[in-house]
Amino acid sequence: MTKESPNPNGGKSPAFDLEERTALFGEAVLHFAKKIPVNPVTKPLISQLVRAGTSVGANYCEADAVSKKDFKN
């Protein structure tokens, strides 16, 4: 799942596409949540699991959009 990409030092380091990985994680959470039997106890837990699992991608995209100036501040 990793690709080799040149780094500024001339060597190679693994490149991770975090946006793609977080999207795949959210999809995996949804797939897993669909397998959980729904009853009065699990219904709120499933809802929380889906919200938490899919928010990872949204949080990454928001953090990635911050400019260097904003990050330093």
N, C-alpha and C. Protein backbone atom coordinates (compact mmCIF):
# COMPACT_ATOMS: atom_id res chain seq x y z
N MET A 1 0.83 -1.20 0.00
CA MET A 1 0.00 0.00 0.00
C MET A 1 0.87 1.25 0.00
N THR A 2 2.16 1.09 0.20
CA THR A 2 3.03 2.26 0.17
C THR A 2 3.75 2.33 -1.16
N LYS A 3 4.05 3.51 -1.57
CA LYS A 3 4.81 3.74 -2.78
C LYS A 3 6.12 4.38 -2.38
N GLU A 4 7.14 4.08 -3.12
CA GLU A 4 8.42 4.72 -2.88
C GLU A 4 8.46 6.03 -3.66
N SER A 5 8.86 7.09 -3.00
CA SER A 5 8.99 8.37 -3.68
C SER A 5 10.29 9.03 -3.23
N PRO A 6 10.96 9.70 -4.14
CA PRO A 6 12.21 10.34 -3.76
C PRO A 6 11.98 11.44 -2.73
N ASN A 7 12.90 11.57 -1.79
CA ASN A 7 12.80 12.66 -0.83
C ASN A 7 13.90 13.68 -1.13
N PRO A 8 13.86 14.85 -0.53
CA PRO A 8 14.84 15.91 -0.83
C PRO A 8 16.28 15.50 -0.57
N ASN A 9 16.49 14.51 0.27
CA ASN A 9 17.85 14.09 0.59
C ASN A 9 18.42 13.11 -0.42
N GLY A 10 17.67 12.80 -1.46
CA GLY A 10 18.15 11.91 -2.50
C GLY A 10 17.84 10.45 -2.26
N GLY A 11 17.43 10.09 -1.05
CA GLY A 11 17.08 8.71 -0.75
C GLY A 11 15.64 8.45 -1.11
N LYS A 12 15.15 7.32 -0.67
CA LYS A 12 13.74 7.01 -0.90
C LYS A 12 13.06 6.80 0.44
N SER A 13 11.82 7.22 0.52
CA SER A 13 11.03 7.02 1.73
C SER A 13 9.62 6.65 1.30
N PRO A 14 8.90 5.92 2.14
CA PRO A 14 7.54 5.55 1.76
C PRO A 14 6.63 6.76 1.74
N ALA A 15 5.79 6.84 0.72
CA ALA A 15 4.81 7.92 0.61
C ALA A 15 3.44 7.35 0.97
N PHE A 16 2.74 8.01 1.88
CA PHE A 16 1.44 7.54 2.32
C PHE A 16 0.38 8.53 1.86
N ASP A 17 -0.63 8.04 1.17
CA ASP A 17 -1.74 8.89 0.76
C ASP A 17 -2.78 8.83 1.87
N LEU A 18 -2.62 9.71 2.86
CA LEU A 18 -3.49 9.66 4.04
C LEU A 18 -4.95 9.96 3.70
N GLU A 19 -5.19 10.79 2.70
CA GLU A 19 -6.57 11.08 2.32
C GLU A 19 -7.25 9.80 1.84
N GLU A 20 -6.56 9.05 1.01
CA GLU A 20 -7.11 7.78 0.51
C GLU A 20 -7.26 6.77 1.64
N ARG A 21 -6.26 6.69 2.50
CA ARG A 21 -6.30 5.73 3.60
C ARG A 21 -7.42 6.03 4.59
N THR A 22 -7.66 7.32 4.88
CA THR A 22 -8.74 7.65 5.81
C THR A 22 -10.10 7.37 5.17
N ALA A 23 -10.21 7.56 3.86
CA ALA A 23 -11.46 7.24 3.16
C ALA A 23 -11.72 5.73 3.21
N LEU A 24 -10.69 4.94 2.98
CA LEU A 24 -10.83 3.49 3.06
C LEU A 24 -11.18 3.04 4.46
N PHE A 25 -10.60 3.70 5.47
CA PHE A 25 -10.93 3.37 6.85
C PHE A 25 -12.41 3.64 7.14
N GLY A 26 -12.90 4.80 6.69
CA GLY A 26 -14.31 5.12 6.90
C GLY A 26 -15.23 4.11 6.24
N GLU A 27 -14.86 3.68 5.03
CA GLU A 27 -15.65 2.66 4.34
C GLU A 27 -15.62 1.34 5.09
N ALA A 28 -14.47 0.98 5.63
CA ALA A 28 -14.36 -0.26 6.39
C ALA A 28 -15.21 -0.21 7.66
N VAL A 29 -15.24 0.95 8.30
CA VAL A 29 -16.08 1.12 9.50
C VAL A 29 -17.55 0.94 9.14
N LEU A 30 -17.98 1.55 8.04
CA LEU A 30 -19.37 1.40 7.61
C LEU A 30 -19.71 -0.06 7.30
N HIS A 31 -18.79 -0.73 6.62
CA HIS A 31 -19.01 -2.14 6.29
C HIS A 31 -19.14 -2.98 7.57
N PHE A 32 -18.27 -2.71 8.53
CA PHE A 32 -18.32 -3.42 9.80
C PHE A 32 -19.62 -3.11 10.56
N ALA A 33 -20.01 -1.84 10.60
CA ALA A 33 -21.20 -1.43 11.35
C ALA A 33 -22.46 -2.10 10.81
N LYS A 34 -22.50 -2.34 9.50
CA LYS A 34 -23.67 -3.00 8.90
C LYS A 34 -23.81 -4.44 9.36
N LYS A 35 -22.74 -5.05 9.84
CA LYS A 35 -22.78 -6.44 10.28
C LYS A 35 -23.24 -6.59 11.73
N ILE A 36 -23.28 -5.50 12.47
CA ILE A 36 -23.65 -5.56 13.89
C ILE A 36 -25.17 -5.67 14.00
N PRO A 37 -25.66 -6.65 14.75
CA PRO A 37 -27.11 -6.77 14.93
C PRO A 37 -27.68 -5.54 15.64
N VAL A 38 -28.77 -5.02 15.13
CA VAL A 38 -29.37 -3.81 15.70
C VAL A 38 -30.39 -4.21 16.77
N ASN A 39 -30.19 -3.66 17.96
CA ASN A 39 -31.14 -3.82 19.06
C ASN A 39 -31.05 -2.54 19.91
N PRO A 40 -31.88 -2.41 20.93
CA PRO A 40 -31.86 -1.17 21.72
C PRO A 40 -30.50 -0.83 22.35
N VAL A 41 -29.69 -1.84 22.62
CA VAL A 41 -28.38 -1.59 23.22
C VAL A 41 -27.36 -1.17 22.16
N THR A 42 -27.35 -1.86 21.02
CA THR A 42 -26.32 -1.60 20.02
C THR A 42 -26.63 -0.40 19.12
N LYS A 43 -27.89 -0.01 19.01
CA LYS A 43 -28.23 1.09 18.10
C LYS A 43 -27.44 2.37 18.37
N PRO A 44 -27.39 2.89 19.61
CA PRO A 44 -26.59 4.10 19.83
C PRO A 44 -25.09 3.86 19.68
N LEU A 45 -24.64 2.64 19.98
CA LEU A 45 -23.22 2.33 19.83
C LEU A 45 -22.82 2.31 18.35
N ILE A 46 -23.69 1.75 17.51
CA ILE A 46 -23.43 1.73 16.07
C ILE A 46 -23.36 3.16 15.54
N SER A 47 -24.29 3.98 15.97
CA SER A 47 -24.32 5.37 15.53
C SER A 47 -23.04 6.10 15.91
N GLN A 48 -22.59 5.90 17.14
CA GLN A 48 -21.36 6.55 17.60
C GLN A 48 -20.15 6.02 16.84
N LEU A 49 -20.10 4.71 16.61
CA LEU A 49 -19.01 4.11 15.86
C LEU A 49 -18.90 4.70 14.46
N VAL A 50 -20.03 4.83 13.78
CA VAL A 50 -20.03 5.39 12.42
C VAL A 50 -19.59 6.85 12.44
N ARG A 51 -20.09 7.63 13.38
CA ARG A 51 -19.69 9.04 13.45
C ARG A 51 -18.19 9.18 13.72
N ALA A 52 -17.68 8.40 14.67
CA ALA A 52 -16.26 8.49 15.02
C ALA A 52 -15.37 7.98 13.89
N GLY A 53 -15.76 6.87 13.28
CA GLY A 53 -14.94 6.26 12.24
C GLY A 53 -14.88 7.08 10.96
N THR A 54 -15.97 7.74 10.62
CA THR A 54 -15.98 8.53 9.40
C THR A 54 -15.47 9.95 9.61
N SER A 55 -15.40 10.41 10.85
CA SER A 55 -14.91 11.76 11.09
C SER A 55 -13.40 11.86 10.92
N VAL A 56 -12.71 10.73 10.94
CA VAL A 56 -11.26 10.73 10.79
C VAL A 56 -10.88 11.39 9.46
N GLY A 57 -11.54 10.99 8.39
CA GLY A 57 -11.25 11.56 7.07
C GLY A 57 -11.56 13.04 7.00
N ALA A 58 -12.68 13.44 7.57
CA ALA A 58 -13.05 14.85 7.55
C ALA A 58 -12.05 15.69 8.35
N ASN A 59 -11.63 15.17 9.49
CA ASN A 59 -10.66 15.88 10.32
C ASN A 59 -9.31 15.98 9.61
N TYR A 60 -8.90 14.92 8.92
CA TYR A 60 -7.64 14.97 8.18
C TYR A 60 -7.70 16.03 7.08
N CYS A 61 -8.79 16.05 6.32
CA CYS A 61 -8.93 17.02 5.23
C CYS A 61 -8.91 18.45 5.78
N GLU A 62 -9.56 18.67 6.91
CA GLU A 62 -9.57 20.00 7.52
C GLU A 62 -8.17 20.39 7.97
N ALA A 63 -7.46 19.47 8.59
CA ALA A 63 -6.11 19.77 9.08
C ALA A 63 -5.14 19.97 7.91
N ASP A 64 -5.34 19.24 6.85
CA ASP A 64 -4.46 19.33 5.68
C ASP A 64 -4.64 20.66 4.95
N ALA A 65 -5.82 21.26 5.08
CA ALA A 65 -6.12 22.51 4.37
C ALA A 65 -5.55 23.74 5.07
N VAL A 66 -5.05 23.59 6.28
CA VAL A 66 -4.51 24.72 7.04
C VAL A 66 -3.20 25.17 6.41
N SER A 67 -3.07 26.47 6.22
CA SER A 67 -1.85 27.01 5.62
C SER A 67 -0.71 26.98 6.64
N LYS A 68 0.53 27.08 6.14
CA LYS A 68 1.69 27.07 7.04
C LYS A 68 1.64 28.25 8.00
N LYS A 69 1.16 29.39 7.52
CA LYS A 69 1.06 30.57 8.38
C LYS A 69 0.07 30.31 9.52
N ASP A 70 -1.09 29.73 9.19
CA ASP A 70 -2.08 29.40 10.21
C ASP A 70 -1.54 28.35 11.18
N PHE A 71 -0.80 27.37 10.67
CA PHE A 71 -0.25 26.31 11.51
C PHE A 71 0.72 26.89 12.53
N LYS A 72 1.59 27.82 12.10
CA LYS A 72 2.56 28.44 13.00
C LYS A 72 1.87 29.25 14.08
N ASN A 73 0.76 29.90 13.72
CA ASN A 73 0.02 30.71 14.67
C ASN A 73 -0.60 29.83 15.73
